Amino acid sequence: MKLIIREYLANLKERKELDALLPDLLSQMGLDVFSKPDVGGRQYGVDVAAFGSIDGKEKRFICSQ
């Protein structure tokens, strides 16, 4: 199953596919997404940013491409 998901995510295009899926995926994992992809606005090199705890420690997750 992991191989199928990994291959599916690798084949997604960045615009309108991965950008739409990643914030929802992080949110469903219990993280608070505070920066989402946007066209035309400044993002300072960060596409998606979230914070929260997965293994008990508060962490920031920064995704860029």
N, C-alpha and C. Protein backbone atom coordinates (compact mmCIF):
# COMPACT_ATOMS: atom_id res chain seq x y z
N MET A 1 0.81 -1.18 0.00
CA MET A 1 0.00 0.00 0.00
C MET A 1 0.86 1.26 0.00
N LYS A 2 1.95 1.25 0.77
CA LYS A 2 2.84 2.40 0.81
C LYS A 2 3.43 2.69 -0.56
N LEU A 3 3.75 1.65 -1.30
CA LEU A 3 4.32 1.82 -2.64
C LEU A 3 3.31 2.48 -3.58
N ILE A 4 2.05 2.10 -3.47
CA ILE A 4 1.01 2.68 -4.32
C ILE A 4 0.84 4.16 -4.00
N ILE A 5 0.80 4.50 -2.72
CA ILE A 5 0.63 5.90 -2.33
C ILE A 5 1.85 6.71 -2.73
N ARG A 6 3.04 6.17 -2.53
CA ARG A 6 4.27 6.88 -2.90
C ARG A 6 4.30 7.16 -4.40
N GLU A 7 3.94 6.18 -5.21
CA GLU A 7 3.93 6.36 -6.66
C GLU A 7 2.87 7.37 -7.09
N TYR A 8 1.69 7.30 -6.45
CA TYR A 8 0.62 8.25 -6.76
C TYR A 8 1.06 9.68 -6.46
N LEU A 9 1.67 9.91 -5.29
CA LEU A 9 2.13 11.24 -4.92
C LEU A 9 3.26 11.72 -5.83
N ALA A 10 4.12 10.82 -6.26
CA ALA A 10 5.22 11.20 -7.15
C ALA A 10 4.73 11.63 -8.52
N ASN A 11 3.57 11.13 -8.94
CA ASN A 11 3.05 11.46 -10.26
C ASN A 11 2.15 12.69 -10.27
N LEU A 12 1.86 13.26 -9.11
CA LEU A 12 1.02 14.45 -9.07
C LEU A 12 1.78 15.68 -9.58
N LYS A 13 1.09 16.54 -10.28
CA LYS A 13 1.68 17.81 -10.69
C LYS A 13 1.62 18.76 -9.50
N GLU A 14 2.54 19.73 -9.48
CA GLU A 14 2.58 20.63 -8.34
C GLU A 14 1.35 21.54 -8.30
N ARG A 15 1.00 22.14 -9.40
CA ARG A 15 -0.14 23.07 -9.45
C ARG A 15 -1.46 22.33 -9.51
N LYS A 16 -2.37 22.69 -8.67
CA LYS A 16 -3.76 22.22 -8.64
C LYS A 16 -3.92 20.73 -8.32
N GLU A 17 -2.85 20.02 -8.07
CA GLU A 17 -2.98 18.61 -7.66
C GLU A 17 -2.32 18.43 -6.30
N LEU A 18 -1.01 18.50 -6.26
CA LEU A 18 -0.28 18.34 -4.99
C LEU A 18 -0.59 19.51 -4.05
N ASP A 19 -0.72 20.72 -4.61
CA ASP A 19 -1.03 21.89 -3.79
C ASP A 19 -2.38 21.76 -3.11
N ALA A 20 -3.31 21.09 -3.74
CA ALA A 20 -4.65 20.92 -3.16
C ALA A 20 -4.68 19.78 -2.15
N LEU A 21 -3.89 18.75 -2.37
CA LEU A 21 -3.92 17.55 -1.53
C LEU A 21 -3.11 17.70 -0.24
N LEU A 22 -1.93 18.30 -0.33
CA LEU A 22 -1.01 18.32 0.81
C LEU A 22 -1.56 19.05 2.04
N PRO A 23 -2.15 20.24 1.93
CA PRO A 23 -2.70 20.88 3.14
C PRO A 23 -3.82 20.05 3.79
N ASP A 24 -4.67 19.43 2.98
CA ASP A 24 -5.74 18.60 3.53
C ASP A 24 -5.17 17.37 4.22
N LEU A 25 -4.15 16.78 3.65
CA LEU A 25 -3.51 15.60 4.23
C LEU A 25 -2.88 15.94 5.58
N LEU A 26 -2.17 17.05 5.65
CA LEU A 26 -1.54 17.47 6.91
C LEU A 26 -2.60 17.80 7.96
N SER A 27 -3.68 18.42 7.54
CA SER A 27 -4.76 18.76 8.45
C SER A 27 -5.41 17.50 9.03
N GLN A 28 -5.61 16.49 8.19
CA GLN A 28 -6.20 15.23 8.65
C GLN A 28 -5.27 14.47 9.59
N MET A 29 -3.97 14.76 9.52
CA MET A 29 -3.01 14.14 10.43
C MET A 29 -2.99 14.84 11.79
N GLY A 30 -3.80 15.91 11.93
CA GLY A 30 -3.89 16.61 13.19
C GLY A 30 -3.02 17.84 13.30
N LEU A 31 -2.39 18.25 12.21
CA LEU A 31 -1.54 19.42 12.22
C LEU A 31 -2.35 20.66 11.86
N ASP A 32 -1.91 21.81 12.36
CA ASP A 32 -2.55 23.09 12.03
C ASP A 32 -1.79 23.72 10.87
N VAL A 33 -2.41 23.79 9.71
CA VAL A 33 -1.78 24.36 8.52
C VAL A 33 -1.96 25.87 8.58
N PHE A 34 -0.84 26.62 8.57
CA PHE A 34 -0.95 28.07 8.65
C PHE A 34 -0.47 28.78 7.39
N SER A 35 0.02 28.06 6.41
CA SER A 35 0.41 28.65 5.14
C SER A 35 0.07 27.67 4.03
N LYS A 36 -0.77 28.12 3.10
CA LYS A 36 -1.17 27.28 1.97
C LYS A 36 -0.65 27.88 0.68
N PRO A 37 -0.51 27.09 -0.38
CA PRO A 37 -0.04 27.60 -1.65
C PRO A 37 -0.98 28.67 -2.21
N ASP A 38 -0.39 29.70 -2.79
CA ASP A 38 -1.17 30.79 -3.34
C ASP A 38 -0.45 31.31 -4.58
N VAL A 39 -1.20 31.71 -5.57
CA VAL A 39 -0.62 32.26 -6.79
C VAL A 39 -0.57 33.77 -6.67
N GLY A 40 0.60 34.34 -6.89
CA GLY A 40 0.75 35.78 -6.89
C GLY A 40 1.18 36.38 -5.57
N GLY A 41 1.00 35.68 -4.47
CA GLY A 41 1.40 36.20 -3.17
C GLY A 41 2.80 35.77 -2.79
N ARG A 42 3.41 36.46 -1.85
CA ARG A 42 4.74 36.09 -1.38
C ARG A 42 4.64 34.88 -0.47
N GLN A 43 5.49 33.92 -0.73
CA GLN A 43 5.52 32.71 0.11
C GLN A 43 6.88 32.49 0.73
N TYR A 44 7.87 33.28 0.37
CA TYR A 44 9.20 33.19 0.94
C TYR A 44 9.80 31.79 0.81
N GLY A 45 9.52 31.11 -0.31
CA GLY A 45 10.09 29.81 -0.58
C GLY A 45 9.37 28.64 0.07
N VAL A 46 8.29 28.91 0.80
CA VAL A 46 7.56 27.85 1.50
C VAL A 46 6.21 27.66 0.82
N ASP A 47 5.92 26.45 0.39
CA ASP A 47 4.63 26.17 -0.22
C ASP A 47 3.57 25.86 0.83
N VAL A 48 3.88 24.98 1.75
CA VAL A 48 2.93 24.60 2.80
C VAL A 48 3.69 24.57 4.13
N ALA A 49 3.09 25.19 5.13
CA ALA A 49 3.69 25.19 6.47
C ALA A 49 2.63 24.79 7.48
N ALA A 50 3.01 23.96 8.43
CA ALA A 50 2.08 23.48 9.45
C ALA A 50 2.84 23.26 10.75
N PHE A 51 2.09 23.24 11.85
CA PHE A 51 2.71 22.89 13.13
C PHE A 51 1.77 22.00 13.91
N GLY A 52 2.36 21.26 14.82
CA GLY A 52 1.59 20.34 15.64
C GLY A 52 2.48 19.21 16.12
N SER A 53 1.86 18.22 16.73
CA SER A 53 2.65 17.10 17.23
C SER A 53 2.15 15.80 16.61
N ILE A 54 3.08 15.01 16.17
CA ILE A 54 2.76 13.68 15.65
C ILE A 54 3.27 12.62 16.62
N ASP A 55 4.46 12.83 17.16
CA ASP A 55 5.05 11.85 18.08
C ASP A 55 5.16 12.38 19.51
N GLY A 56 4.32 13.37 19.84
CA GLY A 56 4.33 13.89 21.20
C GLY A 56 5.08 15.19 21.37
N LYS A 57 5.93 15.57 20.41
CA LYS A 57 6.69 16.81 20.50
C LYS A 57 6.13 17.80 19.48
N GLU A 58 5.97 19.08 19.90
CA GLU A 58 5.53 20.13 18.99
C GLU A 58 6.62 20.37 17.95
N LYS A 59 6.23 20.35 16.68
CA LYS A 59 7.19 20.57 15.59
C LYS A 59 6.56 21.43 14.52
N ARG A 60 7.41 22.08 13.72
CA ARG A 60 6.97 22.80 12.54
C ARG A 60 7.33 21.98 11.33
N PHE A 61 6.41 21.90 10.39
CA PHE A 61 6.63 21.17 9.15
C PHE A 61 6.57 22.16 8.00
N ILE A 62 7.63 22.25 7.22
CA ILE A 62 7.72 23.19 6.11
C ILE A 62 7.96 22.38 4.84
N CYS A 63 7.05 22.52 3.88
CA CYS A 63 7.15 21.79 2.63
C CYS A 63 7.38 22.79 1.49
N SER A 64 8.41 22.57 0.71
CA SER A 64 8.69 23.43 -0.45
C SER A 64 9.12 22.55 -1.60
N GLN A 65 8.97 23.11 -2.79
CA GLN A 65 9.35 22.31 -3.96
C GLN A 65 10.15 23.12 -4.90
